[in-house]
């Protein structure tokens, strides 16, 4: 847990918490969206069986309380100076609990968990899905949205399938459902339940007069994506995909609803943390220089699939793997291979987006912890043949939740005001960019990419039923 201490301030602030897969962090923001206080603690995943990934609900709650208190103390302010609290969470991690006592029936089942893989496979291969009413409607209407509904590929990251698994395998959950005493929710819902002592008004999706007396701070919930996620925004209607991208509601501010098309790589943070725990490096900030210290990965390929492979491969039974190891392989080669896999997945997702959409791409921005790695940023720019920008503040999940919470209580008045607060981006240009700005994807990495793709094929369908 890390904190910085500042002097006492009289103005008001916005508090924002990001409950991620590997850490919980809290920031205190001022009117200029500058961080005045911060606190971080780790999230400890549990692996009770192969393919199972869980988290302790009580540990998540205690971590949440710890970082909130720590960040406020670090900022040198008092809780009454906080105008609102924004929360960004993993949206696919869930638990169920007793409505009366608030005691969970089981641990959080993580979005990375693969226990429902067989159920997902059954749905994806069923005749009902392939020859559906929606497909017949497509033949009549020729509307792509109808075809997309018939071709949609489910994954273990969908909460529904893991919830079905819990209902099938946990007797106490089934009994509580029969008695009308079972609450179900993702991490954001769990935190709301704890913050309101069970008084969250889910029916009306707003804070009632009763709830206002229970909660001392206005709240804003911002469900975020995964460790690395590519988003395209669609202001008017959701995108319909026949290749595995998912339409999502990004946010709703006033009457404006913005939709997203999402493709994600689930294990970026997990892979980095795993490598650190193996003592390939001690400080994650050293990984970029380690990768650059060798000319290549010495033929080593890393497949980042601790929780299966997502779009466009969609294989929940793929395994993580290191291939091409030799006596000459060093820690630097291994680190480079891991970082290369992050950029390679970026390229896969980007090209899937290009195939799926007709919207011209004007700007590419990366944020989150991995964006602080210069090697990944530069390699991504080279592979895409595009300029890739990095904001000065990489913790955009916290900042986004803070912005929405601040807008909700009038701390900031308009979206235009927020745009002026955004820091200047640092740009990574593809190697060989001409003075005119013209550039194309690097050809240097084609053989390495081909080897990596062969490694992926050998890692797929590794875990049998």
Protein backbone atom coordinates (compact mmCIF):
# COMPACT_ATOMS: atom_id res chain seq x y z
CA UNK A 1 0.00 0.00 0.00
CA UNK A 2 1.48 3.34 -1.03
CA UNK A 3 0.51 6.85 0.02
CA UNK A 4 1.80 10.39 -0.27
CA UNK A 5 1.04 13.05 2.29
CA UNK A 6 0.08 16.66 1.52
CA UNK A 7 -0.91 19.65 3.59
CA UNK A 8 -4.46 20.44 4.70
CA UNK A 9 -6.68 22.03 2.04
CA UNK A 10 -9.96 23.88 2.43
CA UNK A 11 -11.51 23.30 -1.00
CA UNK A 12 -13.71 20.35 -1.95
CA UNK A 13 -12.68 17.24 -3.90
CA UNK A 14 -13.88 14.17 -5.78
CA UNK A 15 -12.98 10.70 -4.55
CA UNK A 16 -12.59 7.85 -7.07
CA UNK A 17 -11.91 4.14 -6.51
CA UNK A 18 -10.82 1.62 -9.16
CA UNK A 19 -11.34 -2.02 -8.13
CA UNK A 20 -9.17 -3.82 -10.65
CA UNK A 21 -8.09 -7.41 -11.12
CA UNK A 22 -4.70 -7.01 -9.45
CA UNK A 23 -5.16 -3.91 -7.28
CA UNK A 24 -7.58 -1.48 -5.65
CA UNK A 25 -6.58 2.15 -5.96
CA UNK A 26 -8.14 5.39 -4.79
CA UNK A 27 -7.43 8.96 -5.94
CA UNK A 28 -8.53 12.31 -4.56
CA UNK A 29 -9.03 14.85 -7.40
CA UNK A 30 -9.22 18.62 -7.22
CA UNK A 31 -11.05 21.01 -9.57
CA UNK A 32 -8.19 20.81 -12.10
CA UNK A 33 -8.43 16.98 -12.07
CA UNK A 34 -5.04 16.79 -10.39
CA UNK A 35 -4.38 13.93 -7.97
CA UNK A 36 -4.01 15.34 -4.47
CA UNK A 37 -3.94 12.05 -2.61
CA UNK A 38 -3.60 8.38 -3.51
CA UNK A 39 -3.59 4.96 -1.91
CA UNK A 40 -3.27 1.45 -3.34
CA UNK A 41 -3.59 -2.10 -2.06
CA UNK A 42 -3.29 -5.47 -3.77
CA UNK A 43 -6.07 -7.82 -4.82
CA UNK A 44 -5.21 -11.42 -3.94
CA UNK A 45 -6.75 -13.93 -6.39
CA UNK A 46 -7.64 -17.45 -5.25
CA UNK A 47 -7.20 -20.55 -7.42
CA UNK A 48 -9.06 -23.43 -5.71
CA UNK A 49 -8.97 -25.63 -8.85
CA UNK A 50 -7.58 -25.54 -12.38
CA UNK A 51 -9.55 -22.93 -14.30
CA UNK A 52 -11.17 -21.48 -11.16
CA UNK A 53 -10.39 -17.86 -10.24
CA UNK A 54 -12.00 -16.35 -7.13
CA UNK A 55 -11.71 -13.38 -4.77
CA UNK A 56 -12.70 -13.04 -1.12
CA UNK A 57 -15.65 -10.58 -0.83
CA UNK A 58 -14.63 -9.47 2.65
CA UNK A 59 -11.08 -8.83 1.47
CA UNK A 60 -12.41 -6.69 -1.40
CA UNK A 61 -14.54 -4.66 1.03
CA UNK A 62 -11.68 -4.21 3.51
CA UNK A 63 -9.36 -3.17 0.69
CA UNK A 64 -11.94 -0.67 -0.54
CA UNK A 65 -12.26 0.91 2.91
CA UNK A 66 -8.48 0.93 3.36
CA UNK A 67 -7.70 2.82 0.16
CA UNK A 68 -10.52 5.36 0.69
CA UNK A 69 -9.27 6.22 4.17
CA UNK A 70 -5.65 6.16 3.01
CA UNK A 71 -6.18 8.47 0.02
CA UNK A 72 -8.16 11.03 2.05
CA UNK A 73 -5.47 11.00 4.72
CA UNK A 74 -2.76 11.25 2.08
CA UNK A 75 -4.45 14.32 0.57
CA UNK A 76 -4.46 16.01 3.95
CA UNK A 77 -8.21 16.65 3.77
CA UNK A 78 -11.26 15.63 5.76
CA UNK A 79 -14.08 13.38 4.57
CA UNK A 80 -16.59 16.25 4.69
CA UNK A 81 -14.59 17.95 1.92
CA UNK A 82 -15.39 15.10 -0.49
CA UNK A 83 -18.31 16.03 -2.74
CA UNK A 84 -18.84 12.65 -4.43
CA UNK A 85 -17.45 9.15 -4.83
CA UNK A 86 -16.98 7.47 -8.22
CA UNK A 87 -16.37 3.73 -8.48
CA UNK A 88 -14.85 1.82 -11.40
CA UNK A 89 -14.95 -1.99 -11.14
CA UNK A 90 -14.53 -5.31 -12.91
CA UNK A 91 -17.99 -5.73 -14.36
CA UNK A 92 -17.90 -9.52 -14.91
CA UNK A 93 -16.89 -10.66 -11.40
CA UNK A 94 -19.87 -11.60 -9.20
CA UNK A 95 -21.09 -13.25 -6.03
CA UNK A 96 -24.41 -14.07 -4.37
CA UNK A 97 -25.33 -13.30 -0.78
CA UNK A 98 -28.00 -13.58 1.89
CA UNK A 99 -30.44 -10.69 1.56
CA UNK A 100 -31.10 -10.53 5.32
CA UNK A 101 -27.60 -10.97 6.75
CA UNK A 102 -25.47 -9.73 3.84
CA UNK A 103 -23.22 -12.79 4.19
CA UNK A 104 -21.94 -14.12 0.81
CA UNK A 105 -22.79 -17.70 -0.13
CA UNK A 106 -19.46 -18.08 -1.95
CA UNK A 107 -16.40 -16.13 -3.05
CA UNK A 108 -16.49 -13.73 -5.97
CA UNK A 109 -16.22 -15.75 -9.18
CA UNK A 110 -13.84 -13.76 -11.35
CA UNK A 111 -14.41 -12.74 -14.96
CA UNK A 112 -11.24 -14.76 -15.64
CA UNK A 113 -12.83 -17.97 -14.32
CA UNK A 114 -13.36 -20.83 -16.81
CA UNK A 115 -15.58 -23.19 -14.81
CA UNK A 116 -18.52 -22.65 -17.16
CA UNK A 117 -16.52 -23.47 -20.33
CA UNK A 118 -18.51 -26.61 -21.15
CA UNK A 119 -21.82 -24.78 -20.82
CA UNK A 120 -20.54 -21.98 -23.07
CA UNK A 121 -19.35 -24.52 -25.65
CA UNK A 122 -22.76 -26.21 -25.59
CA UNK A 123 -24.57 -22.95 -26.26
CA UNK A 124 -22.19 -21.86 -28.99
CA UNK A 125 -22.51 -25.14 -30.87
CA UNK A 126 -26.24 -25.70 -30.42
CA UNK A 127 -28.52 -26.00 -33.45
CA UNK A 128 -30.86 -23.54 -31.81
CA UNK A 129 -28.17 -20.86 -31.99
CA UNK A 130 -27.11 -21.68 -35.56
CA UNK A 131 -30.56 -22.01 -37.09
CA UNK A 132 -32.36 -19.39 -35.09
CA UNK A 133 -35.31 -17.15 -35.62
CA UNK A 134 -32.89 -14.23 -35.91
CA UNK A 135 -31.09 -15.89 -38.81
CA UNK A 136 -34.35 -16.40 -40.61
CA UNK A 137 -35.22 -12.77 -39.98
CA UNK A 138 -31.91 -11.78 -41.54
CA UNK A 139 -32.85 -13.68 -44.72
CA UNK A 140 -36.02 -11.62 -44.87
CA UNK A 141 -34.78 -8.19 -43.74
CA UNK A 142 -31.06 -8.40 -44.75
CA UNK A 143 -30.29 -6.38 -41.62
CA UNK A 144 -26.85 -7.19 -40.22
CA UNK A 145 -28.10 -6.88 -36.64
CA UNK A 146 -30.29 -9.95 -37.23
CA UNK A 147 -27.32 -11.96 -38.54
CA UNK A 148 -25.16 -10.85 -35.62
CA UNK A 149 -27.72 -12.15 -33.15
CA UNK A 150 -27.61 -15.57 -34.79
CA UNK A 151 -23.79 -15.71 -34.96
CA UNK A 152 -22.95 -14.28 -31.53
CA UNK A 153 -20.20 -16.19 -29.75
CA UNK A 154 -20.57 -16.45 -26.00
CA UNK A 155 -17.56 -16.67 -23.68
CA UNK A 156 -16.89 -17.61 -20.07
CA UNK A 157 -16.58 -13.89 -19.31
CA UNK A 158 -20.37 -13.58 -19.60
CA UNK A 159 -21.72 -13.58 -16.06
CA UNK A 160 -24.86 -15.54 -17.00
CA UNK A 161 -23.08 -18.85 -17.60
CA UNK A 162 -21.05 -18.71 -14.38
CA UNK A 163 -24.23 -17.79 -12.50
CA UNK A 164 -25.95 -20.87 -13.96
CA UNK A 165 -22.97 -22.89 -12.76
CA UNK A 166 -23.35 -21.46 -9.24
CA UNK A 167 -27.09 -22.17 -9.18
CA UNK A 168 -26.39 -25.74 -10.29
CA UNK A 169 -23.54 -26.47 -7.89
CA UNK A 170 -24.28 -24.44 -4.73
CA UNK A 171 -27.23 -25.87 -2.81
CA UNK A 172 -27.47 -22.89 -0.46
CA UNK A 173 -27.81 -20.53 -3.42
CA UNK A 174 -30.68 -22.54 -4.90
CA UNK A 175 -32.39 -22.67 -1.52
CA UNK A 176 -32.02 -18.91 -1.00
CA UNK A 177 -33.48 -18.27 -4.48
CA UNK A 178 -36.47 -20.49 -3.66
CA UNK A 179 -36.99 -18.54 -0.42
CA UNK A 180 -36.63 -15.14 -2.13
CA UNK A 181 -33.57 -14.44 0.01
CA UNK A 182 -30.77 -14.41 -2.60
CA UNK A 183 -29.00 -11.27 -3.81
CA UNK A 184 -26.84 -11.43 -6.92
CA UNK A 185 -24.39 -8.77 -7.98
CA UNK A 186 -21.06 -7.80 -9.46
CA UNK A 187 -18.43 -5.98 -7.40
CA UNK A 188 -20.09 -2.59 -7.88
CA UNK A 189 -23.41 -3.96 -6.59
CA UNK A 190 -21.68 -5.62 -3.64
CA UNK A 191 -19.98 -2.36 -2.69
CA UNK A 192 -23.30 -0.49 -2.97
CA UNK A 193 -24.95 -3.07 -0.75
CA UNK A 194 -22.20 -2.65 1.85
CA UNK A 195 -22.16 1.15 1.62
CA UNK A 196 -25.94 1.41 2.02
CA UNK A 197 -26.24 -1.43 4.56
CA UNK A 198 -28.49 -3.30 2.17
CA UNK A 199 -30.60 -0.29 1.14
CA UNK A 200 -29.58 0.06 -2.51
CA UNK A 201 -32.64 0.94 -4.61
CA UNK A 202 -31.96 -1.32 -7.62
CA UNK A 203 -35.57 -1.12 -8.88
CA UNK A 204 -35.43 2.58 -9.76
CA UNK A 205 -31.68 2.76 -10.49
CA UNK A 206 -31.37 5.95 -8.47
CA UNK A 207 -30.92 7.21 -4.92
CA UNK A 208 -34.21 7.62 -3.12
CA UNK A 209 -34.84 9.94 -0.19
CA UNK A 210 -34.37 7.00 2.15
CA UNK A 211 -31.02 6.13 0.59
CA UNK A 212 -29.85 9.72 0.88
CA UNK A 213 -30.10 9.36 4.64
CA UNK A 214 -28.07 6.15 4.55
CA UNK A 215 -25.21 7.27 2.31
CA UNK A 216 -23.17 10.32 3.20
CA UNK A 217 -21.68 10.74 -0.30
CA UNK A 218 -23.29 10.81 -3.75
CA UNK A 219 -22.09 7.79 -5.74
CA UNK A 220 -21.36 7.13 -9.38
CA UNK A 221 -20.62 3.65 -10.71
CA UNK A 222 -18.48 3.25 -13.83
CA UNK A 223 -18.17 -0.37 -14.99
CA UNK A 224 -14.86 -0.65 -16.79
CA UNK A 225 -13.54 -3.17 -19.24
CA UNK A 226 -10.69 -5.59 -18.82
CA UNK A 227 -6.98 -5.10 -18.42
CA UNK A 228 -6.52 -4.25 -22.07
CA UNK A 229 -9.63 -3.29 -23.99
CA UNK A 230 -10.17 -1.69 -27.40
CA UNK A 231 -13.27 0.46 -27.63
CA UNK A 232 -14.98 2.23 -30.52
CA UNK A 233 -17.78 4.63 -29.60
CA UNK A 234 -21.14 4.81 -31.37
CA UNK A 235 -23.23 7.78 -30.21
CA UNK A 236 -26.49 6.76 -31.91
CA UNK A 237 -26.88 2.97 -31.83
CA UNK A 238 -24.99 -0.15 -30.75
CA UNK A 239 -22.68 -1.83 -33.25
CA UNK A 240 -23.74 -5.26 -34.46
CA UNK A 241 -20.90 -7.73 -34.94
CA UNK A 242 -20.67 -11.12 -36.59
CA UNK A 243 -17.07 -11.71 -35.51
CA UNK A 244 -17.16 -11.66 -31.73
CA UNK A 245 -17.05 -7.96 -30.78
CA UNK A 246 -19.64 -6.98 -28.20
CA UNK A 247 -21.99 -4.00 -28.15
CA UNK A 248 -22.03 -2.27 -24.78
CA UNK A 249 -23.55 0.78 -23.18
CA UNK A 250 -20.50 2.90 -22.50
CA UNK A 251 -22.10 5.68 -20.49
CA UNK A 252 -25.22 7.76 -20.16
CA UNK A 253 -24.92 11.42 -19.27
CA UNK A 254 -28.25 13.21 -19.22
CA UNK A 255 -30.26 11.98 -22.18
CA UNK A 256 -27.17 11.05 -24.23
CA UNK A 257 -26.35 7.34 -24.45
CA UNK A 258 -23.01 6.31 -25.96
CA UNK A 259 -22.51 2.73 -27.10
CA UNK A 260 -19.23 0.88 -27.47
CA UNK A 261 -17.93 -2.00 -29.53
CA UNK A 262 -15.49 -3.97 -27.38
CA UNK A 263 -12.65 -6.38 -27.96
CA UNK A 264 -10.47 -7.37 -25.03
CA UNK A 265 -7.32 -9.17 -23.99
CA UNK A 266 -8.00 -10.55 -20.56
CA UNK A 267 -4.62 -11.42 -19.08
CA UNK A 268 -2.27 -8.50 -19.63
CA UNK A 269 -2.05 -7.50 -15.97
CA UNK A 270 -2.09 -11.11 -14.80
CA UNK A 271 0.84 -12.00 -17.08
CA UNK A 272 2.92 -9.07 -15.83
CA UNK A 273 2.15 -9.90 -12.19
CA UNK A 274 2.92 -13.59 -12.80
CA UNK A 275 6.29 -12.74 -14.32
CA UNK A 276 7.10 -10.50 -11.37
CA UNK A 277 6.21 -13.22 -8.87
CA UNK A 278 8.58 -15.56 -10.75
CA UNK A 279 11.26 -12.91 -10.10
CA UNK A 280 11.91 -12.24 -13.76
CA UNK A 281 12.12 -8.63 -12.56
CA UNK A 282 11.62 -6.82 -9.28
CA UNK A 283 10.18 -3.52 -10.49
CA UNK A 284 7.68 -3.45 -13.37
CA UNK A 285 9.26 -0.18 -14.49
CA UNK A 286 12.40 -2.12 -15.44
CA UNK A 287 10.64 -4.32 -18.01
CA UNK A 288 10.90 -1.86 -20.90
CA UNK A 289 14.66 -1.49 -20.56
CA UNK A 290 15.05 -5.27 -20.12
CA UNK A 291 13.15 -5.88 -23.35
CA UNK A 292 15.27 -3.31 -25.20
CA UNK A 293 18.51 -4.79 -23.83
CA UNK A 294 18.20 -7.74 -26.25
CA UNK A 295 17.71 -7.54 -30.02
CA UNK A 296 14.89 -10.09 -30.03
CA UNK A 297 13.22 -12.70 -27.82
CA UNK A 298 15.64 -15.45 -28.93
CA UNK A 299 12.75 -17.29 -30.58
CA UNK A 300 10.65 -17.41 -27.40
CA UNK A 301 6.88 -16.95 -27.80
CA UNK A 302 4.48 -16.27 -24.92
CA UNK A 303 0.76 -16.96 -25.24
CA UNK A 304 -1.15 -14.74 -22.76
CA UNK A 305 -4.03 -17.10 -22.02
CA UNK A 306 -4.42 -17.65 -18.28
CA UNK A 307 -8.18 -17.28 -18.76
CA UNK A 308 -8.56 -18.42 -22.35
CA UNK A 309 -8.29 -16.44 -25.57
CA UNK A 310 -10.82 -13.79 -26.48
CA UNK A 311 -11.77 -12.09 -29.77
CA UNK A 312 -11.06 -13.05 -32.51
CA UNK A 313 -10.06 -16.56 -31.33
CA UNK A 314 -12.73 -17.14 -28.67
CA UNK A 315 -11.25 -20.24 -27.03
CA UNK A 316 -11.90 -20.49 -23.27
CA UNK A 317 -9.87 -23.72 -23.08
CA UNK A 318 -6.62 -22.31 -24.45
CA UNK A 319 -3.67 -22.40 -22.06
CA UNK A 320 -0.95 -19.88 -21.32
CA UNK A 321 2.41 -21.08 -22.60
CA UNK A 322 6.05 -20.24 -23.22
CA UNK A 323 7.49 -21.89 -26.34
CA UNK A 324 10.90 -21.85 -27.97
CA UNK A 325 12.96 -21.98 -24.77
CA UNK A 326 16.68 -22.65 -25.20
CA UNK A 327 19.75 -22.82 -22.93
CA UNK A 328 20.60 -19.35 -24.25
CA UNK A 329 17.26 -17.88 -23.10
CA UNK A 330 17.66 -15.20 -20.43
CA UNK A 331 15.24 -13.29 -18.22
CA UNK A 332 15.39 -10.40 -20.66
CA UNK A 333 14.31 -12.68 -23.52
CA UNK A 334 11.37 -13.94 -21.44
CA UNK A 335 10.31 -10.42 -20.48
CA UNK A 336 10.55 -9.28 -24.09
CA UNK A 337 8.40 -12.22 -25.24
CA UNK A 338 5.73 -11.37 -22.64
CA UNK A 339 5.66 -7.69 -23.64
CA UNK A 340 5.61 -8.61 -27.34
CA UNK A 341 2.51 -10.74 -26.73
CA UNK A 342 0.71 -7.68 -25.35
CA UNK A 343 1.46 -5.70 -28.53
CA UNK A 344 0.56 -8.68 -30.73
CA UNK A 345 -2.85 -8.93 -29.07
CA UNK A 346 -3.28 -5.19 -29.59
CA UNK A 347 -2.69 -5.76 -33.29
CA UNK A 348 -5.20 -8.64 -33.42
CA UNK A 349 -7.91 -6.55 -31.76
CA UNK A 350 -7.18 -3.50 -33.89
CA UNK A 351 -7.41 -5.47 -37.13
CA UNK A 352 -10.65 -7.10 -35.96
CA UNK A 353 -12.09 -3.64 -35.37
CA UNK A 354 -11.02 -2.53 -38.84
CA UNK A 355 -12.72 -5.51 -40.45
CA UNK A 356 -15.88 -5.02 -38.41
CA UNK A 357 -16.43 -1.28 -38.71
CA UNK A 358 -16.52 1.36 -41.39
CA UNK A 359 -15.77 4.24 -39.04
CA UNK A 360 -12.52 6.10 -39.85
CA UNK A 361 -10.03 5.93 -36.98
CA UNK A 362 -8.72 9.39 -36.21
CA UNK A 363 -6.84 8.72 -32.97
CA UNK A 364 -5.50 5.77 -30.98
CA UNK A 365 -4.91 6.21 -27.27
CA UNK A 366 -3.68 3.69 -24.71
CA UNK A 367 -4.07 4.01 -20.97
CA UNK A 368 -3.88 1.87 -17.86
CA UNK A 369 -0.78 0.38 -16.28
CA UNK A 370 0.58 -1.26 -19.43
CA UNK A 371 0.61 2.05 -21.29
CA UNK A 372 3.43 3.24 -19.03
CA UNK A 373 5.68 0.70 -20.77
CA UNK A 374 7.55 2.43 -23.60
CA UNK A 375 8.47 -0.86 -25.31
CA UNK A 376 4.81 -1.94 -25.61
CA UNK A 377 3.75 1.53 -26.76
CA UNK A 378 6.43 1.76 -29.47
CA UNK A 379 5.92 -1.81 -30.69
CA UNK A 380 2.16 -1.28 -30.89
CA UNK A 381 2.70 1.86 -32.99
CA UNK A 382 5.09 -0.05 -35.26
CA UNK A 383 2.72 -3.00 -35.71
CA UNK A 384 -0.31 -0.81 -36.42
CA UNK A 385 1.56 1.69 -38.56
CA UNK A 386 -0.25 4.40 -36.63
CA UNK A 387 0.59 7.07 -34.09
CA UNK A 388 -0.35 5.86 -30.60
CA UNK A 389 -0.93 8.44 -27.87
CA UNK A 390 -0.45 8.07 -24.12
CA UNK A 391 -2.07 10.54 -21.70
CA UNK A 392 0.02 11.97 -18.89
CA UNK A 393 -2.45 10.46 -16.44
CA UNK A 394 -2.51 6.73 -17.31
CA UNK A 395 -5.05 5.82 -14.61
CA UNK A 396 -8.05 6.65 -16.77
CA UNK A 397 -10.45 4.28 -14.98
CA UNK A 398 -10.16 6.30 -11.78
CA UNK A 399 -10.29 9.59 -13.66
CA UNK A 400 -13.31 8.56 -15.76
CA UNK A 401 -15.28 7.53 -12.67
CA UNK A 402 -14.30 10.80 -11.00
CA UNK A 403 -15.47 12.83 -14.01
CA UNK A 404 -18.87 11.13 -14.09
CA UNK A 405 -19.32 11.48 -10.33
CA UNK A 406 -18.24 15.14 -10.50
CA UNK A 407 -20.67 15.90 -13.32
CA UNK A 408 -23.44 14.24 -11.34
CA UNK A 409 -23.07 16.60 -8.39
CA UNK A 410 -22.10 19.75 -10.29
CA UNK A 411 -18.46 19.70 -9.21
CA UNK A 412 -17.76 20.09 -12.92
CA UNK A 413 -20.55 21.67 -14.96
CA UNK A 414 -20.15 20.38 -18.52
CA UNK A 415 -18.27 17.83 -20.61
CA UNK A 416 -16.59 20.73 -22.42
CA UNK A 417 -15.09 21.80 -19.09
CA UNK A 418 -13.69 18.29 -18.63
CA UNK A 419 -12.11 18.25 -22.08
CA UNK A 420 -10.06 21.31 -21.14
CA UNK A 421 -8.71 19.42 -18.13
CA UNK A 422 -7.25 16.56 -20.18
CA UNK A 423 -3.48 16.49 -20.10
CA UNK A 424 -1.29 16.60 -23.19
CA UNK A 425 -0.70 13.21 -24.80
CA UNK A 426 2.75 11.75 -25.43
CA UNK A 427 2.95 10.36 -28.96
CA UNK A 428 4.69 7.20 -30.20
CA UNK A 429 5.28 7.26 -33.95
CA UNK A 430 5.92 4.17 -36.08
CA UNK A 431 9.54 3.72 -37.07
CA UNK A 432 10.29 5.05 -40.52
CA UNK A 433 7.60 7.73 -40.48
CA UNK A 434 8.28 10.17 -43.31
CA UNK A 435 8.23 13.95 -43.02
CA UNK A 436 4.80 13.96 -44.64
CA UNK A 437 3.55 11.74 -41.83
CA UNK A 438 2.97 8.74 -44.09
CA UNK A 439 3.76 5.35 -42.58
CA UNK A 440 2.81 1.69 -42.86
CA UNK A 441 2.93 -1.27 -40.46
CA UNK A 442 6.42 -2.57 -39.75
CA UNK A 443 7.45 -5.63 -41.79
CA UNK A 444 10.28 -6.46 -39.39
CA UNK A 445 8.05 -8.41 -37.04
CA UNK A 446 6.23 -10.57 -39.62
CA UNK A 447 8.33 -13.73 -38.94
CA UNK A 448 8.00 -13.22 -35.16
CA UNK A 449 4.24 -12.75 -35.48
CA UNK A 450 3.97 -15.91 -37.55
CA UNK A 451 5.85 -17.90 -34.90
CA UNK A 452 3.60 -16.42 -32.20
CA UNK A 453 0.48 -17.38 -34.17
CA UNK A 454 1.77 -20.98 -34.45
CA UNK A 455 2.28 -20.98 -30.68
CA UNK A 456 -1.30 -19.82 -30.22
CA UNK A 457 -2.61 -22.68 -32.36
CA UNK A 458 -0.72 -25.20 -30.22
CA UNK A 459 -2.12 -23.65 -27.03
CA UNK A 460 -5.75 -23.73 -28.14
CA UNK A 461 -8.22 -26.32 -26.80
CA UNK A 462 -5.60 -27.45 -24.30
CA UNK A 463 -8.00 -28.07 -21.42
CA UNK A 464 -10.34 -30.90 -22.33
CA UNK A 465 -13.86 -31.38 -20.84
